Protein backbone atom coordinates (compact mmCIF):
# COMPACT_ATOMS: atom_id res chain seq x y z
CA MET A 1 139.72 117.16 110.36
CA THR A 2 139.35 113.54 111.44
CA THR A 3 138.00 111.09 108.91
CA HIS A 4 136.50 107.69 109.57
CA ARG A 5 136.78 104.89 107.10
CA LEU A 6 133.98 102.34 106.86
CA LEU A 7 135.42 98.88 107.26
CA PRO A 8 134.27 96.19 104.80
CA ALA A 9 132.27 94.33 107.45
CA ASP A 10 130.60 97.58 108.53
CA ALA A 11 129.81 98.47 104.92
CA ALA A 12 128.26 95.07 104.31
CA GLU A 13 126.21 95.40 107.47
CA GLY A 14 125.06 98.87 106.41
CA ARG A 15 123.98 97.65 102.99
CA GLN A 16 122.15 94.74 104.59
CA GLY A 17 120.43 97.08 107.04
CA ARG A 18 119.24 99.29 104.17
CA SER A 19 118.13 96.44 101.91
CA GLU A 20 116.32 94.35 104.50
CA PRO A 21 113.36 96.74 104.98
CA LYS A 22 112.90 96.87 101.20
CA ARG A 23 112.88 93.09 101.01
CA VAL A 24 110.31 92.98 103.83
CA LEU A 25 108.18 95.49 101.93
CA TRP A 26 108.23 93.75 98.56
CA VAL A 27 107.65 90.26 99.92
CA SER A 28 104.78 91.65 102.00
CA CYS A 29 103.39 93.33 98.88
CA VAL A 30 103.41 90.00 97.01
CA ALA A 31 101.60 88.33 99.90
CA HIS A 32 99.05 91.15 100.12
CA ALA A 33 98.37 91.12 96.37
CA LEU A 34 97.81 87.36 96.33
CA HIS A 35 95.64 87.14 99.43
CA ASP A 36 93.49 90.15 98.55
CA GLY A 37 93.14 88.79 95.04
CA TYR A 38 91.97 85.47 96.48
CA THR A 39 89.47 87.29 98.69
CA ASP A 40 87.84 89.24 95.84
CA LEU A 41 88.06 86.37 93.36
CA ILE A 42 84.91 85.08 95.03
CA TYR A 43 82.85 87.86 93.43
CA VAL A 44 83.57 86.49 89.96
CA LEU A 45 82.69 82.97 91.10
CA LEU A 46 79.40 83.78 92.86
CA PRO A 47 77.25 83.94 89.68
CA LEU A 48 78.80 80.66 88.46
CA TRP A 49 78.08 78.96 91.77
CA GLN A 50 74.57 80.39 91.80
CA THR A 51 73.87 78.75 88.44
CA GLU A 52 75.50 75.42 89.27
CA PHE A 53 74.14 74.98 92.78
CA GLY A 54 70.86 76.97 92.55
CA LEU A 55 71.66 79.37 95.39
CA GLY A 56 69.77 82.46 96.58
CA TYR A 57 71.38 85.73 97.58
CA GLY A 58 71.44 84.75 101.25
CA ALA A 59 73.24 81.47 100.51
CA LEU A 60 75.75 83.24 98.30
CA ALA A 61 76.42 85.70 101.09
CA VAL A 62 77.01 82.76 103.44
CA LEU A 63 79.71 81.46 101.08
CA ARG A 64 81.40 84.84 101.16
CA ALA A 65 81.00 84.96 104.93
CA VAL A 66 82.62 81.54 105.44
CA TYR A 67 85.83 82.83 103.86
CA GLY A 68 85.72 86.22 105.56
CA GLY A 69 84.58 84.82 108.92
CA THR A 70 87.41 82.30 109.25
CA MET A 71 89.89 84.92 108.09
CA ALA A 72 88.64 87.47 110.64
CA SER A 73 88.32 85.14 113.62
CA LEU A 74 91.92 83.92 113.43
CA GLN A 75 93.78 87.22 113.06
CA LEU A 76 94.91 87.32 116.69
CA SER A 77 95.67 83.59 116.67
CA ALA A 78 97.94 84.13 113.67
CA GLY A 79 99.99 86.56 115.74
CA ARG A 80 100.33 84.03 118.55
CA LEU A 81 101.33 81.29 116.11
CA SER A 82 104.02 83.53 114.65
CA GLN A 83 105.55 83.85 118.13
CA TRP A 84 106.00 80.06 118.21
CA ILE A 85 107.19 79.22 114.71
CA GLY A 86 108.21 82.64 113.38
CA ARG A 87 106.59 85.23 111.15
CA ARG A 88 108.12 83.88 107.94
CA ALA A 89 106.97 80.28 108.53
CA THR A 90 103.48 81.39 109.59
CA LEU A 91 102.97 83.61 106.54
CA ALA A 92 104.32 80.97 104.13
CA LEU A 93 102.11 78.28 105.68
CA GLY A 94 99.08 80.56 105.53
CA THR A 95 99.68 81.29 101.86
CA LEU A 96 99.96 77.57 101.16
CA LEU A 97 96.65 76.92 102.95
CA ALA A 98 94.93 79.75 101.05
CA ALA A 99 96.01 78.18 97.76
CA LEU A 100 95.01 74.70 98.93
CA GLY A 101 91.52 75.96 99.76
CA TYR A 102 90.94 77.12 96.21
CA ALA A 103 92.33 73.85 94.87
CA VAL A 104 89.79 71.98 97.02
CA ALA A 105 87.03 74.31 95.79
CA GLY A 106 87.84 73.16 92.27
CA LEU A 107 87.17 69.58 93.40
CA SER A 108 83.93 70.37 95.24
CA GLY A 109 80.66 68.94 94.02
CA SER A 110 78.32 70.45 96.60
CA LEU A 111 77.58 73.56 98.62
CA LEU A 112 79.08 71.90 101.70
CA GLY A 113 82.28 71.17 99.82
CA LEU A 114 82.56 74.79 98.77
CA CYS A 115 82.07 75.92 102.37
CA VAL A 116 84.84 73.60 103.59
CA ALA A 117 87.18 74.77 100.82
CA LEU A 118 86.55 78.45 101.51
CA ALA A 119 87.07 77.87 105.23
CA ILE A 120 90.50 76.34 104.52
CA SER A 121 91.43 79.29 102.33
CA GLY A 122 90.15 81.76 104.93
CA VAL A 123 92.26 80.15 107.64
CA GLY A 124 95.32 80.62 105.45
CA SER A 125 94.53 84.24 104.64
CA SER A 126 94.10 85.10 108.33
CA THR A 127 97.91 85.23 108.60
CA GLN A 128 98.57 87.87 105.98
CA HIS A 129 97.17 91.20 107.18
CA PRO A 130 98.42 91.34 110.79
CA LEU A 131 101.81 89.77 110.10
CA ALA A 132 102.71 91.51 106.84
CA SER A 133 101.51 94.96 107.92
CA ALA A 134 103.29 94.65 111.28
CA ALA A 135 106.45 93.49 109.48
CA VAL A 136 106.41 96.62 107.29
CA SER A 137 105.66 98.87 110.26
CA GLN A 138 108.46 97.28 112.30
CA ALA A 139 110.97 97.40 109.45
CA TYR A 140 110.46 101.13 108.76
CA GLY A 141 109.54 102.41 112.22
CA ALA A 142 108.69 106.12 112.21
CA ARG A 143 108.94 106.17 108.38
CA ALA A 144 106.32 103.43 107.90
CA ARG A 145 103.38 105.52 106.64
CA GLY A 146 104.64 105.63 103.04
CA PRO A 147 105.66 101.95 102.87
CA LEU A 148 102.32 100.97 104.43
CA GLY A 149 100.63 102.91 101.63
CA ILE A 150 102.62 100.92 99.06
CA TYR A 151 101.70 97.71 100.88
CA ASN A 152 97.99 98.63 100.81
CA PHE A 153 98.23 99.56 97.14
CA ALA A 154 99.66 96.12 96.36
CA GLY A 155 96.51 94.55 97.76
CA ASP A 156 94.44 96.52 95.28
CA LEU A 157 96.65 95.39 92.43
CA GLY A 158 95.83 91.83 93.44
CA LYS A 159 92.14 92.64 93.59
CA ALA A 160 92.32 93.97 90.04
CA ALA A 161 94.61 91.31 88.57
CA LEU A 162 93.20 88.02 89.88
CA PRO A 163 89.51 88.61 88.99
CA ALA A 164 90.57 89.80 85.52
CA ALA A 165 92.82 86.75 85.14
CA MET A 166 89.98 84.48 86.23
CA SER A 167 87.67 86.13 83.71
CA PHE A 168 90.26 85.45 80.98
CA LEU A 169 90.76 81.84 82.09
CA LEU A 170 87.01 81.20 82.10
CA VAL A 171 86.95 81.92 78.37
CA TRP A 172 89.33 79.00 77.76
CA MET A 173 88.56 76.46 80.48
CA PRO A 174 85.92 75.37 83.03
CA TRP A 175 85.83 77.24 86.32
CA ARG A 176 87.27 74.26 88.20
CA HIS A 177 90.39 74.17 86.04
CA ALA A 178 90.72 77.94 86.36
CA LEU A 179 90.68 77.63 90.16
CA TRP A 180 93.46 75.05 90.06
CA THR A 181 95.52 77.46 87.96
CA VAL A 182 95.22 80.32 90.45
CA ALA A 183 95.91 77.86 93.29
CA GLY A 184 99.21 77.05 91.58
CA ALA A 185 100.12 80.73 91.69
CA GLY A 186 99.57 80.64 95.45
CA LEU A 187 101.91 77.69 95.81
CA VAL A 188 104.65 79.63 94.01
CA ALA A 189 104.05 82.65 96.28
CA ALA A 190 104.28 80.47 99.41
CA VAL A 191 107.67 79.17 98.32
CA ALA A 192 108.86 82.71 97.57
CA ILE A 193 107.81 83.93 101.02
CA ALA A 194 109.58 81.01 102.72
CA LEU A 195 112.80 81.74 100.83
CA LEU A 196 112.86 85.56 100.72
CA LEU A 197 111.13 87.06 103.76
CA PRO A 198 113.70 87.94 106.45
CA SER A 199 113.18 85.86 109.56
CA GLN A 200 113.43 88.91 111.78
CA ALA A 201 112.85 92.41 110.45
CA ARG A 202 115.12 95.06 111.94
CA PRO A 203 113.26 98.07 113.30
CA ALA A 204 114.20 101.36 111.70
CA PRO A 205 115.76 104.02 113.97
CA ALA A 206 113.14 105.51 116.23
CA ARG A 207 114.55 109.06 116.44
CA HIS A 208 112.11 111.85 115.61
CA ALA A 209 109.19 109.47 116.17
CA GLN A 210 107.70 111.81 118.71
CA GLU A 211 108.08 114.76 116.34
CA HIS A 212 105.87 113.09 113.78
CA GLY A 213 103.42 111.75 116.31
CA ARG A 214 104.10 108.11 115.46
CA GLY A 215 103.33 105.76 118.32
CA LEU A 216 101.78 108.38 120.61
CA PRO A 217 99.34 106.66 122.96
CA ALA A 218 95.84 107.85 122.21
CA SER A 219 92.62 107.40 124.12
CA ASN A 220 90.73 104.14 123.86
CA THR A 221 87.78 106.15 122.61
CA GLY A 222 89.78 107.42 119.65
CA PHE A 223 90.86 103.94 118.59
CA ARG A 224 87.36 102.55 119.10
CA LEU A 225 85.88 105.28 116.92
CA LEU A 226 88.52 104.59 114.27
CA LEU A 227 87.59 100.90 114.43
CA ALA A 228 83.86 101.69 114.18
CA ILE A 229 84.47 103.80 111.07
CA GLY A 230 86.53 100.97 109.59
CA VAL A 231 83.81 98.41 110.34
CA LEU A 232 81.08 100.46 108.67
CA ASP A 233 83.30 101.41 105.73
CA THR A 234 84.02 97.72 105.14
CA ALA A 235 80.32 96.89 105.41
CA VAL A 236 79.53 99.39 102.66
CA ARG A 237 82.28 98.07 100.41
CA MET A 238 81.46 94.38 100.87
CA GLY A 239 77.72 94.89 100.58
CA MET A 240 78.05 96.86 97.36
CA LEU A 241 80.55 94.42 95.84
CA THR A 242 78.25 91.50 96.68
CA PHE A 243 75.37 93.10 94.78
CA LEU A 244 77.37 94.67 91.96
CA PRO A 245 77.67 91.55 89.71
CA PHE A 246 73.91 91.03 89.90
CA LEU A 247 73.14 94.70 89.29
CA LEU A 248 75.30 94.54 86.16
CA GLN A 249 73.64 91.29 85.06
CA ARG A 250 70.25 93.03 85.31
CA LYS A 251 71.66 95.67 82.96
CA GLY A 252 72.67 92.94 80.44
CA ILE A 253 76.41 92.47 80.99
CA SER A 254 77.96 89.27 79.57
CA PRO A 255 79.75 86.75 81.85
CA ALA A 256 83.05 87.37 80.05
CA MET A 257 82.71 91.14 80.61
CA LEU A 258 81.84 90.80 84.29
CA GLY A 259 85.41 90.11 85.43
CA THR A 260 86.62 93.14 83.48
CA ALA A 261 83.93 95.29 85.09
CA LEU A 262 85.04 94.20 88.55
CA ALA A 263 88.64 94.89 87.57
CA LEU A 264 87.61 98.47 86.75
CA VAL A 265 86.27 98.82 90.28
CA PHE A 266 89.45 97.47 91.83
CA ILE A 267 91.69 99.59 89.59
CA GLY A 268 89.75 102.61 90.77
CA GLY A 269 90.25 101.37 94.33
CA ALA A 270 93.98 101.19 93.79
CA ALA A 271 93.99 104.76 92.51
CA GLY A 272 92.00 105.69 95.60
CA LYS A 273 94.90 104.60 97.80
CA PHE A 274 97.15 107.24 96.25
CA LEU A 275 94.52 109.97 95.97
CA CYS A 276 93.34 109.53 99.53
CA GLY A 277 96.92 109.55 100.77
CA TRP A 278 97.30 112.93 99.06
CA LEU A 279 93.94 114.11 100.45
CA GLY A 280 94.83 112.83 103.91
CA GLU A 281 97.91 115.06 104.05
CA ARG A 282 95.81 118.10 103.20
CA LEU A 283 92.37 117.39 104.65
CA GLY A 284 93.25 115.05 107.51
CA LEU A 285 91.40 111.87 108.38
CA THR A 286 88.09 113.63 109.02
CA GLY A 287 88.05 115.66 105.82
CA THR A 288 89.06 112.65 103.71
CA VAL A 289 86.29 110.50 105.22
CA LEU A 290 83.71 113.22 104.56
CA VAL A 291 84.72 113.36 100.89
CA THR A 292 85.01 109.62 100.27
CA GLU A 293 81.90 108.46 102.12
CA GLY A 294 79.73 111.18 100.60
CA GLY A 295 81.16 110.31 97.19
CA THR A 296 80.56 106.61 97.82
CA ALA A 297 76.87 107.17 98.51
CA ALA A 298 76.50 109.29 95.38
CA CYS A 299 78.31 106.77 93.16
CA ILE A 300 76.26 103.83 94.46
CA VAL A 301 73.01 105.59 93.60
CA ALA A 302 74.35 106.66 90.19
CA VAL A 303 75.45 103.12 89.25
CA MET A 304 72.04 101.77 90.26
CA LEU A 305 70.17 104.29 88.09
CA CYS A 306 72.42 104.37 85.00
CA PRO A 307 72.20 102.03 81.96
CA LEU A 308 75.02 99.53 81.47
CA TRP A 309 77.65 101.57 79.60
CA PRO A 310 77.37 104.75 81.71
CA ALA A 311 77.49 102.50 84.78
CA LEU A 312 80.70 100.87 83.49
CA ILE A 313 82.26 104.31 83.03
CA LEU A 314 81.41 105.13 86.66
CA LEU A 315 82.91 101.91 88.07
CA PRO A 316 86.50 103.23 88.50
CA LEU A 317 85.15 106.26 90.38
CA LEU A 318 82.99 103.97 92.51
CA GLY A 319 86.05 101.87 93.32
CA LEU A 320 88.06 104.97 94.18
CA MET A 321 85.44 106.10 96.68
CA LEU A 322 84.74 102.63 98.09
CA ASN A 323 88.36 101.80 98.74
CA GLY A 324 90.04 105.13 99.34
CA THR A 325 88.92 105.57 102.93
CA SER A 326 90.55 102.34 104.09
CA SER A 327 94.04 103.54 103.17
CA VAL A 328 93.77 106.55 105.48
CA LEU A 329 92.23 104.43 108.24
CA TYR A 330 94.97 101.77 108.15
CA GLY A 331 97.68 104.43 108.06
CA SER A 332 96.20 106.04 111.18
CA VAL A 333 96.37 102.88 113.32
CA PRO A 334 100.03 103.33 114.42
CA ASP A 335 99.23 106.92 115.37
CA MET A 336 96.58 105.79 117.85
CA VAL A 337 98.63 103.30 119.92
CA ALA A 338 101.98 102.93 121.67
CA PRO A 339 104.82 101.48 119.53
CA ASP A 340 104.91 98.17 121.42
CA ARG A 341 101.21 97.60 120.73
CA THR A 342 101.26 98.20 116.97
CA GLU A 343 101.04 94.54 115.92
CA ARG A 344 98.14 93.87 118.29
CA ALA A 345 96.38 97.08 117.18
CA PHE A 346 96.66 96.01 113.55
CA ALA A 347 95.32 92.57 114.47
CA VAL A 348 92.35 94.05 116.35
CA PHE A 349 91.62 96.54 113.56
CA TYR A 350 91.80 93.89 110.83
CA THR A 351 89.72 91.50 112.94
CA GLY A 352 86.96 94.07 113.21
CA THR A 353 87.01 95.12 109.57
CA ILE A 354 87.28 91.59 108.19
CA ALA A 355 84.53 90.38 110.54
CA SER A 356 82.41 93.20 109.15
CA GLY A 357 83.25 91.98 105.66
CA ALA A 358 82.03 88.51 106.65
CA VAL A 359 78.83 89.48 108.46
CA SER A 360 77.63 92.47 106.44
CA PRO A 361 77.10 90.58 103.14
CA ILE A 362 74.83 88.14 104.99
CA ALA A 363 72.77 91.00 106.39
CA TYR A 364 72.58 92.76 103.04
CA GLY A 365 71.96 89.45 101.23
CA LEU A 366 69.03 88.56 103.48
CA LEU A 367 67.74 92.10 103.06
CA GLY A 368 68.04 91.65 99.29
CA ASP A 369 65.96 88.46 99.47
CA GLN A 370 63.26 90.39 101.32
CA VAL A 371 63.10 93.79 99.64
CA GLY A 372 64.96 93.26 96.36
CA ILE A 373 68.47 93.95 95.21
CA VAL A 374 67.90 97.63 94.35
CA ALA A 375 66.52 98.56 97.78
CA ALA A 376 69.25 96.56 99.53
CA THR A 377 71.93 98.32 97.49
CA PHE A 378 70.40 101.65 98.41
CA ALA A 379 70.84 100.60 102.06
CA THR A 380 74.61 100.42 101.50
CA ALA A 381 74.55 104.06 100.41
CA LEU A 382 72.73 105.02 103.61
CA THR A 383 75.36 103.16 105.63
CA ALA A 384 78.08 105.24 103.95
CA LEU A 385 76.29 108.43 104.99
CA ALA A 386 76.02 107.14 108.57
CA ILE A 387 79.84 107.13 108.81
CA ILE A 388 80.08 110.91 108.44
CA PRO A 389 78.84 111.81 111.98
CA LEU A 390 81.21 109.23 113.49
CA ALA A 391 84.15 110.78 111.65
CA TRP A 392 83.21 114.20 112.97
CA VAL A 393 83.16 112.91 116.57
CA GLN A 394 86.45 111.04 116.07
CA ARG A 395 88.07 114.27 114.93
CA ALA A 396 88.67 115.36 118.53
CA HIS A 397 90.73 112.24 119.27
CA MET A 398 93.19 112.44 116.34
CA ARG A 399 96.00 114.13 118.22
CA SER A 400 98.84 112.92 116.04
CA GLU A 401 97.87 114.65 112.82
CA GLY A 402 98.53 118.24 112.00
CA PRO A 403 96.06 121.14 111.85
CA ALA A 404 94.34 119.62 108.85
CA CYS A 405 92.49 117.15 111.02
CA ARG A 406 91.21 119.67 113.52
């Protein structure tokens, strides 16, 4: 029997090849946690800004939309910029800009100043989703579904941690000083990305990709339906999260408790990533969407009708339903496109969903000004139910899943 010895150089190269995807994953997770935490930090700040600047629900929704709109509109541009200066430099620069935006917000003395600051932060955050998710997908190739789930889960950890940290900081310092503190955390993350993210991720071996259905070209209709479901799912989530602080205030929650309440929602959302991954393997995309969107509508109505403490108990379940669908949707994107179009597909998908996150709070906010916050929140539940027929139609186009989706 012939034996082959691994030379030292080959062994080092093998270890590097195995460790590099993990480094890509964990650096991407840090970036996702920070940027998603920055995005949802706004919900803790909205009531403070309403008091200081005398804003209505529509104006508050505009503030949220400025951040989300700039982030959504520059997703594809971030990909083009990364081709010029590299993925690592683009992501590090974006993280630095996101932190700078919040630092400027702490210096703002007017509504216009806040809008400019949030626009700067949104520009920075536009780099994270398409570049980091594509980096993970490229690094792991056909085995990317699990790592992408970890990457998505990291975003929910950031959503839970940063609002809770802000709530804690607000007990000890003014909101402006608290913003400068979280901006400092972004500066540290930008430096870490610049130092640790590999400049060029190595694709994992592509063998067996066709067996698992990864990268199979699907019809444009299938991807468009997937995008439509993602857009509406995001609209439900952003609309409900915009109203939730004010619903809880009507029930008598204290400002110090509000950040903790939002953290309960985001912790539930993080759990939803894992649960819906498990459900997706057994029920498929269609079955998972039916469960989560129906559950979302039911939880929204229950939170509206319950007194404060029962509503707080329901918040983790609400977060689970609100956020769980997105994990299955994002994981299905590589299954709907050819391998060489994965980064662009992620950019298009994130552009659509983030644009929905920017526009939908304005629509719901203006509706809230007209018909009241309770009726407008009920409209988010109806939107969740409207997703179910779309998921049923999209079922015929999911060719890369197993029998569970058919």
